[in-house]
Amino acid sequence: MSFVPRFTNGQAFSQALGKIVCVGRNYAEHARELDNPVPGAPLLFIKPASSAVDIDEPLKAQFERGEVHFEAELALLIGMPLTGATPQAAQRAVAGLGLALDLTLRDVQATLKDKGHPWEIAKAFDGACPLTPFAPLEGEPDWQALHFTLDIDDERRQTGNSADMLFAIPELLAEMSRHFTLMPGDVVLTGTPAGVGVLPRGAEISLVLAAGASHGAVEAITRTAD
């Protein structure tokens, strides 16, 4: 069954989820914590729609394949086609703001990297992208003032702010649209801040996004499977 994004008011989006376009190392401190160089241009990769799951459901990560790492990210729901767009046009195409977990099979990824192989299977497996509902946008938010947090068992693990991104959201969307068309129902993940780590079994996970007074907040609580 196709995953359909939904809004915080319970309304389903008009399109099923298409692709999930992600950017790696969009926060300098996260790049450094994994001993990766800070990129000079966005590092893009794609998760398939089959990797998306509702954040309200218990997370059944593939723990049997080694360490699973959590990466909390601001998620953008695309509401209109974007091809070769300007930053000004790109930001008007965002229909909603939410949060996602970019789950990563870190042991699998490390092995593939060591061999010089693509590491898509470490990022694109079934259940690799839990998504919250999206706060609908009425007008453009302050793209430099989007703040989010991730707590695990009441301990703050990640804090992100869009002002700290290496590539600001309008420019990031425009760059993505140079390489492939973004379609209604696509979701864009904008990178994770420092603090990523091992996703524990049987833990409570809380995600909170503050999108400004005119756009409200997104809050979600879920658990990982034992």
C-alpha atoms as a PDB file:
ATOM      1  CA  MET A   1       0.000   0.000   0.000  1.00  0.00           C
ATOM      2  CA  SER A   2       1.362   3.421  -0.980  1.00  0.00           C
ATOM      3  CA  PHE A   3       2.393   5.818   1.773  1.00  0.00           C
ATOM      4  CA  VAL A   4       0.333   9.019   1.697  1.00  0.00           C
ATOM      5  CA  PRO A   5       1.727  12.043   3.567  1.00  0.00           C
ATOM      6  CA  ARG A   6      -0.720  13.691   5.958  1.00  0.00           C
ATOM      7  CA  PHE A   7      -1.042  17.041   7.650  1.00  0.00           C
ATOM      8  CA  THR A   8      -1.226  17.786  11.359  1.00  0.00           C
ATOM      9  CA  ASN A   9      -4.967  18.470  10.997  1.00  0.00           C
ATOM     10  CA  GLY A  10      -5.459  14.857   9.900  1.00  0.00           C
ATOM     11  CA  GLN A  11      -6.039  15.648   6.233  1.00  0.00           C
ATOM     12  CA  ALA A  12      -4.268  13.409   3.727  1.00  0.00           C
ATOM     13  CA  PHE A  13      -2.131  15.013   1.027  1.00  0.00           C
ATOM     14  CA  SER A  14      -3.553  14.835  -2.487  1.00  0.00           C
ATOM     15  CA  GLN A  15      -0.725  12.641  -3.790  1.00  0.00           C
ATOM     16  CA  ALA A  16       0.970   9.480  -2.562  1.00  0.00           C
ATOM     17  CA  LEU A  17       4.595   9.852  -1.561  1.00  0.00           C
ATOM     18  CA  GLY A  18       6.943   9.754  -4.536  1.00  0.00           C
ATOM     19  CA  LYS A  19      10.641   9.831  -3.723  1.00  0.00           C
ATOM     20  CA  ILE A  20      12.535  11.060  -0.670  1.00  0.00           C
ATOM     21  CA  VAL A  21      15.442  13.294  -1.664  1.00  0.00           C
ATOM     22  CA  CYS A  22      18.117  13.650   1.024  1.00  0.00           C
ATOM     23  CA  VAL A  23      21.198  15.782   1.559  1.00  0.00           C
ATOM     24  CA  GLY A  24      24.216  14.526   3.436  1.00  0.00           C
ATOM     25  CA  ARG A  25      26.488  16.583   5.704  1.00  0.00           C
ATOM     26  CA  ASN A  26      24.377  19.762   5.632  1.00  0.00           C
ATOM     27  CA  TYR A  27      25.534  20.621   9.166  1.00  0.00           C
ATOM     28  CA  ALA A  28      29.275  21.123   9.591  1.00  0.00           C
ATOM     29  CA  GLU A  29      29.387  19.691  13.110  1.00  0.00           C
ATOM     30  CA  HIS A  30      27.710  16.469  11.970  1.00  0.00           C
ATOM     31  CA  ALA A  31      30.257  16.051   9.177  1.00  0.00           C
ATOM     32  CA  ARG A  32      33.056  16.491  11.706  1.00  0.00           C
ATOM     33  CA  GLU A  33      31.605  14.060  14.247  1.00  0.00           C
ATOM     34  CA  LEU A  34      31.795  11.283  11.624  1.00  0.00           C
ATOM     35  CA  ASP A  35      35.258  12.386  10.461  1.00  0.00           C
ATOM     36  CA  ASN A  36      33.894  13.386   7.068  1.00  0.00           C
ATOM     37  CA  PRO A  37      35.044  16.449   5.132  1.00  0.00           C
ATOM     38  CA  VAL A  38      32.696  19.426   5.063  1.00  0.00           C
ATOM     39  CA  PRO A  39      31.282  19.477   1.502  1.00  0.00           C
ATOM     40  CA  GLY A  40      31.485  22.419  -0.853  1.00  0.00           C
ATOM     41  CA  ALA A  41      28.269  21.415  -2.626  1.00  0.00           C
ATOM     42  CA  PRO A  42      25.195  19.445  -1.500  1.00  0.00           C
ATOM     43  CA  LEU A  43      25.671  15.671  -1.344  1.00  0.00           C
ATOM     44  CA  LEU A  44      22.398  14.227  -2.616  1.00  0.00           C
ATOM     45  CA  PHE A  45      20.926  10.750  -2.436  1.00  0.00           C
ATOM     46  CA  ILE A  46      17.426   9.253  -2.669  1.00  0.00           C
ATOM     47  CA  LYS A  47      15.375   6.946  -0.495  1.00  0.00           C
ATOM     48  CA  PRO A  48      12.458   5.152  -2.198  1.00  0.00           C
ATOM     49  CA  ALA A  49       8.867   5.640  -1.118  1.00  0.00           C
ATOM     50  CA  SER A  50       8.950   2.080   0.246  1.00  0.00           C
ATOM     51  CA  SER A  51      11.318   3.256   3.007  1.00  0.00           C
ATOM     52  CA  ALA A  52       8.672   5.579   4.508  1.00  0.00           C
ATOM     53  CA  VAL A  53       6.628   4.607   7.558  1.00  0.00           C
ATOM     54  CA  ASP A  54       4.317   6.540   9.849  1.00  0.00           C
ATOM     55  CA  ILE A  55       6.157   7.831  12.911  1.00  0.00           C
ATOM     56  CA  ASP A  56       3.138   6.838  15.056  1.00  0.00           C
ATOM     57  CA  GLU A  57       3.869   3.163  14.451  1.00  0.00           C
ATOM     58  CA  PRO A  58       6.513   1.322  16.516  1.00  0.00           C
ATOM     59  CA  LEU A  59       9.818   1.510  14.667  1.00  0.00           C
ATOM     60  CA  LYS A  60      10.901  -1.906  13.449  1.00  0.00           C
ATOM     61  CA  ALA A  61      14.443  -1.094  12.403  1.00  0.00           C
ATOM     62  CA  GLN A  62      16.599  -3.887  11.024  1.00  0.00           C
ATOM     63  CA  PHE A  63      18.599  -4.376  14.221  1.00  0.00           C
ATOM     64  CA  GLU A  64      19.759  -7.824  13.118  1.00  0.00           C
ATOM     65  CA  ARG A  65      21.975  -6.171  10.475  1.00  0.00           C
ATOM     66  CA  GLY A  66      24.200  -4.310  12.940  1.00  0.00           C
ATOM     67  CA  GLU A  67      24.075  -0.863  14.477  1.00  0.00           C
ATOM     68  CA  VAL A  68      21.118   1.279  13.410  1.00  0.00           C
ATOM     69  CA  HIS A  69      21.778   5.007  13.830  1.00  0.00           C
ATOM     70  CA  PHE A  70      19.160   7.738  14.219  1.00  0.00           C
ATOM     71  CA  GLU A  71      19.435  11.011  12.287  1.00  0.00           C
ATOM     72  CA  ALA A  72      16.673  13.556  12.959  1.00  0.00           C
ATOM     73  CA  GLU A  73      15.952  15.877  10.037  1.00  0.00           C
ATOM     74  CA  LEU A  74      13.635  18.672   8.991  1.00  0.00           C
ATOM     75  CA  ALA A  75      11.367  17.308   6.232  1.00  0.00           C
ATOM     76  CA  LEU A  76       9.704  19.314   3.452  1.00  0.00           C
ATOM     77  CA  LEU A  77       6.587  18.142   1.602  1.00  0.00           C
ATOM     78  CA  ILE A  78       6.669  19.279  -2.031  1.00  0.00           C
ATOM     79  CA  GLY A  79       3.380  20.632  -3.381  1.00  0.00           C
ATOM     80  CA  MET A  80       4.176  21.571  -6.999  1.00  0.00           C
ATOM     81  CA  PRO A  81       6.606  20.448  -9.719  1.00  0.00           C
ATOM     82  CA  LEU A  82      10.094  21.947  -9.634  1.00  0.00           C
ATOM     83  CA  THR A  83      12.535  21.719 -12.532  1.00  0.00           C
ATOM     84  CA  GLY A  84      15.536  24.031 -12.766  1.00  0.00           C
ATOM     85  CA  ALA A  85      13.850  26.362 -10.305  1.00  0.00           C
ATOM     86  CA  THR A  86      15.202  29.545  -8.782  1.00  0.00           C
ATOM     87  CA  PRO A  87      15.473  29.665  -4.985  1.00  0.00           C
ATOM     88  CA  GLN A  88      12.531  32.073  -4.922  1.00  0.00           C
ATOM     89  CA  ALA A  89      10.303  29.700  -6.902  1.00  0.00           C
ATOM     90  CA  ALA A  90      11.554  26.639  -5.049  1.00  0.00           C
ATOM     91  CA  GLN A  91      10.573  27.864  -1.600  1.00  0.00           C
ATOM     92  CA  ARG A  92       7.014  28.532  -2.784  1.00  0.00           C
ATOM     93  CA  ALA A  93       6.659  24.855  -3.726  1.00  0.00           C
ATOM     94  CA  VAL A  94       6.816  23.621  -0.107  1.00  0.00           C
ATOM     95  CA  ALA A  95       3.366  22.517   1.072  1.00  0.00           C
ATOM     96  CA  GLY A  96       4.262  21.412   4.579  1.00  0.00           C
ATOM     97  CA  LEU A  97       6.951  21.140   7.238  1.00  0.00           C
ATOM     98  CA  GLY A  98       7.578  18.008   9.258  1.00  0.00           C
ATOM     99  CA  LEU A  99      10.298  15.844  10.739  1.00  0.00           C
ATOM    100  CA  ALA A 100      11.873  12.567   9.738  1.00  0.00           C
ATOM    101  CA  LEU A 101      14.308   9.998  11.006  1.00  0.00           C
ATOM    102  CA  ASP A 102      16.911   9.080   8.418  1.00  0.00           C
ATOM    103  CA  LEU A 103      17.711   5.641   9.844  1.00  0.00           C
ATOM    104  CA  THR A 104      21.084   4.310   8.798  1.00  0.00           C
ATOM    105  CA  LEU A 105      22.599   0.831   8.978  1.00  0.00           C
ATOM    106  CA  ARG A 106      25.954   2.213  10.061  1.00  0.00           C
ATOM    107  CA  ASP A 107      27.909  -1.059  10.043  1.00  0.00           C
ATOM    108  CA  VAL A 108      26.599  -1.865   6.562  1.00  0.00           C
ATOM    109  CA  GLN A 109      27.406   1.644   5.355  1.00  0.00           C
ATOM    110  CA  ALA A 110      30.952   1.519   6.742  1.00  0.00           C
ATOM    111  CA  THR A 111      31.645  -1.821   5.043  1.00  0.00           C
ATOM    112  CA  LEU A 112      30.369  -0.553   1.708  1.00  0.00           C
ATOM    113  CA  LYS A 113      32.346   2.680   1.974  1.00  0.00           C
ATOM    114  CA  ASP A 114      35.531   0.742   2.727  1.00  0.00           C
ATOM    115  CA  LYS A 115      35.023  -1.205  -0.508  1.00  0.00           C
ATOM    116  CA  GLY A 116      34.265   1.943  -2.498  1.00  0.00           C
ATOM    117  CA  HIS A 117      30.739   0.713  -3.179  1.00  0.00           C
ATOM    118  CA  PRO A 118      27.489   2.710  -3.186  1.00  0.00           C
ATOM    119  CA  TRP A 119      25.826   2.581   0.243  1.00  0.00           C
ATOM    120  CA  GLU A 120      22.180   2.912  -0.809  1.00  0.00           C
ATOM    121  CA  ILE A 121      21.141  -0.295   0.964  1.00  0.00           C
ATOM    122  CA  ALA A 122      22.293   1.225   4.273  1.00  0.00           C
ATOM    123  CA  LYS A 123      19.859   4.119   3.838  1.00  0.00           C
ATOM    124  CA  ALA A 124      16.993   2.866   1.671  1.00  0.00           C
ATOM    125  CA  PHE A 125      15.763  -0.277   3.418  1.00  0.00           C
ATOM    126  CA  ASP A 126      12.092  -0.787   4.324  1.00  0.00           C
ATOM    127  CA  GLY A 127      11.267   1.366   7.350  1.00  0.00           C
ATOM    128  CA  ALA A 128      14.360   3.574   6.956  1.00  0.00           C
ATOM    129  CA  CYS A 129      12.378   6.826   6.895  1.00  0.00           C
ATOM    130  CA  PRO A 130       9.802   7.350   9.673  1.00  0.00           C
ATOM    131  CA  LEU A 131       7.850  10.543   8.916  1.00  0.00           C
ATOM    132  CA  THR A 132       5.731  12.821  11.111  1.00  0.00           C
ATOM    133  CA  PRO A 133       2.629  14.594   9.860  1.00  0.00           C
ATOM    134  CA  PHE A 134       3.339  17.923   8.139  1.00  0.00           C
ATOM    135  CA  ALA A 135       2.310  21.359   9.352  1.00  0.00           C
ATOM    136  CA  PRO A 136       0.570  22.990   6.360  1.00  0.00           C
ATOM    137  CA  LEU A 137       2.170  26.204   5.149  1.00  0.00           C
ATOM    138  CA  GLU A 138       0.178  29.381   4.668  1.00  0.00           C
ATOM    139  CA  GLY A 139       2.756  31.722   3.244  1.00  0.00           C
ATOM    140  CA  GLU A 140       6.493  31.306   3.574  1.00  0.00           C
ATOM    141  CA  PRO A 141       8.086  30.704   6.980  1.00  0.00           C
ATOM    142  CA  ASP A 142      11.366  32.191   8.111  1.00  0.00           C
ATOM    143  CA  TRP A 143      13.613  29.597   6.520  1.00  0.00           C
ATOM    144  CA  GLN A 144      16.432  30.583   8.892  1.00  0.00           C
ATOM    145  CA  ALA A 145      14.394  30.061  12.084  1.00  0.00           C
ATOM    146  CA  LEU A 146      13.144  26.452  12.008  1.00  0.00           C
ATOM    147  CA  HIS A 147      14.116  24.671  15.212  1.00  0.00           C
ATOM    148  CA  PHE A 148      13.777  20.974  16.043  1.00  0.00           C
ATOM    149  CA  THR A 149      14.804  18.514  18.747  1.00  0.00           C
ATOM    150  CA  LEU A 150      15.096  14.771  19.254  1.00  0.00           C
ATOM    151  CA  ASP A 151      14.839  13.172  22.716  1.00  0.00           C
ATOM    152  CA  ILE A 152      15.362   9.491  23.500  1.00  0.00           C
ATOM    153  CA  ASP A 153      14.003   8.306  26.858  1.00  0.00           C
ATOM    154  CA  ASP A 154      13.723  11.956  27.978  1.00  0.00           C
ATOM    155  CA  GLU A 155      17.358  12.718  27.127  1.00  0.00           C
ATOM    156  CA  ARG A 156      18.064  15.428  24.543  1.00  0.00           C
ATOM    157  CA  ARG A 157      20.138  13.857  21.780  1.00  0.00           C
ATOM    158  CA  GLN A 158      19.882  16.257  18.842  1.00  0.00           C
ATOM    159  CA  THR A 159      19.086  19.943  18.418  1.00  0.00           C
ATOM    160  CA  GLY A 160      18.854  21.446  14.960  1.00  0.00           C
ATOM    161  CA  ASN A 161      18.228  24.900  13.564  1.00  0.00           C
ATOM    162  CA  SER A 162      17.916  25.750   9.905  1.00  0.00           C
ATOM    163  CA  ALA A 163      20.195  28.758  10.433  1.00  0.00           C
ATOM    164  CA  ASP A 164      23.071  26.299  10.939  1.00  0.00           C
ATOM    165  CA  MET A 165      22.631  24.531   7.601  1.00  0.00           C
ATOM    166  CA  LEU A 166      25.518  24.798   5.173  1.00  0.00           C
ATOM    167  CA  PHE A 167      23.049  25.087   2.282  1.00  0.00           C
ATOM    168  CA  ALA A 168      19.916  27.119   3.026  1.00  0.00           C
ATOM    169  CA  ILE A 169      16.574  25.564   2.151  1.00  0.00           C
ATOM    170  CA  PRO A 170      15.637  27.709  -0.898  1.00  0.00           C
ATOM    171  CA  GLU A 171      19.067  27.213  -2.477  1.00  0.00           C
ATOM    172  CA  LEU A 172      19.070  23.520  -1.586  1.00  0.00           C
ATOM    173  CA  LEU A 173      15.710  22.948  -3.307  1.00  0.00           C
ATOM    174  CA  ALA A 174      16.854  24.879  -6.367  1.00  0.00           C
ATOM    175  CA  GLU A 175      20.024  22.772  -6.585  1.00  0.00           C
ATOM    176  CA  MET A 176      18.034  19.541  -6.300  1.00  0.00           C
ATOM    177  CA  SER A 177      15.696  20.671  -9.074  1.00  0.00           C
ATOM    178  CA  ARG A 178      18.686  21.153 -11.401  1.00  0.00           C
ATOM    179  CA  HIS A 179      19.372  17.411 -11.290  1.00  0.00           C
ATOM    180  CA  PHE A 180      15.891  15.881 -11.165  1.00  0.00           C
ATOM    181  CA  THR A 181      12.337  17.166 -11.110  1.00  0.00           C
ATOM    182  CA  LEU A 182      10.705  17.356  -7.708  1.00  0.00           C
ATOM    183  CA  MET A 183       7.044  16.355  -7.906  1.00  0.00           C
ATOM    184  CA  PRO A 184       4.011  16.866  -5.650  1.00  0.00           C
ATOM    185  CA  GLY A 185       4.197  14.210  -2.962  1.00  0.00           C
ATOM    186  CA  ASP A 186       7.977  14.090  -2.908  1.00  0.00           C
ATOM    187  CA  VAL A 187       9.642  14.715   0.450  1.00  0.00           C
ATOM    188  CA  VAL A 188      12.981  16.442   0.953  1.00  0.00           C
ATOM    189  CA  LEU A 189      15.169  15.709   3.996  1.00  0.00           C
ATOM    190  CA  THR A 190      17.470  18.630   4.733  1.00  0.00           C
ATOM    191  CA  GLY A 191      20.294  17.017   6.711  1.00  0.00           C
ATOM    192  CA  THR A 192      20.950  16.113  10.333  1.00  0.00           C
ATOM    193  CA  PRO A 193      22.739  18.095  13.045  1.00  0.00           C
ATOM    194  CA  ALA A 194      25.415  16.693  15.334  1.00  0.00           C
ATOM    195  CA  GLY A 195      24.481  14.100  17.943  1.00  0.00           C
ATOM    196  CA  VAL A 196      23.633  11.055  15.831  1.00  0.00           C
ATOM    197  CA  GLY A 197      24.056   7.711  17.533  1.00  0.00           C
ATOM    198  CA  VAL A 198      22.867   4.165  18.013  1.00  0.00           C
ATOM    199  CA  LEU A 199      19.091   3.708  18.034  1.00  0.00           C
ATOM    200  CA  PRO A 200      18.290   1.647  21.142  1.00  0.00           C
ATOM    201  CA  ARG A 201      15.680  -1.076  21.285  1.00  0.00           C
ATOM    202  CA  GLY A 202      12.520  -0.451  23.310  1.00  0.00           C
ATOM    203  CA  ALA A 203      13.161   3.294  23.652  1.00  0.00           C
ATOM    204  CA  GLU A 204      10.738   6.212  23.578  1.00  0.00           C
ATOM    205  CA  ILE A 205      11.562   8.788  20.910  1.00  0.00           C
ATOM    206  CA  SER A 206      10.184  12.333  20.910  1.00  0.00           C
ATOM    207  CA  LEU A 207      10.476  14.715  17.957  1.00  0.00           C
ATOM    208  CA  VAL A 208       9.442  18.387  18.142  1.00  0.00           C
ATOM    209  CA  LEU A 209       9.520  21.051  15.412  1.00  0.00           C
ATOM    210  CA  ALA A 210       8.896  24.753  16.063  1.00  0.00           C
ATOM    211  CA  ALA A 211       8.001  26.393  12.754  1.00  0.00           C
ATOM    212  CA  GLY A 212       7.039  29.853  13.987  1.00  0.00           C
ATOM    213  CA  ALA A 213       3.852  31.384  15.357  1.00  0.00           C
ATOM    214  CA  SER A 214       2.029  31.454  12.015  1.00  0.00           C
ATOM    215  CA  HIS A 215       2.832  27.824  11.138  1.00  0.00           C
ATOM    216  CA  GLY A 216       2.550  26.028  14.450  1.00  0.00           C
ATOM    217  CA  ALA A 217       4.511  23.058  15.687  1.00  0.00           C
ATOM    218  CA  VAL A 218       4.888  19.366  14.954  1.00  0.00           C
ATOM    219  CA  GLU A 219       5.210  16.918  17.833  1.00  0.00           C
ATOM    220  CA  ALA A 220       5.497  13.143  17.623  1.00  0.00           C
ATOM    221  CA  ILE A 221       6.266  10.366  20.076  1.00  0.00           C
ATOM    222  CA  THR A 222       7.044   6.799  19.064  1.00  0.00           C
ATOM    223  CA  ARG A 223       8.891   3.740  20.325  1.00  0.00           C
ATOM    224  CA  THR A 224      11.376   1.342  18.868  1.00  0.00           C
ATOM    225  CA  ALA A 225      10.553  -2.332  18.881  1.00  0.00           C
ATOM    226  CA  ASP A 226      12.178  -4.513  21.565  1.00  0.00           C
END
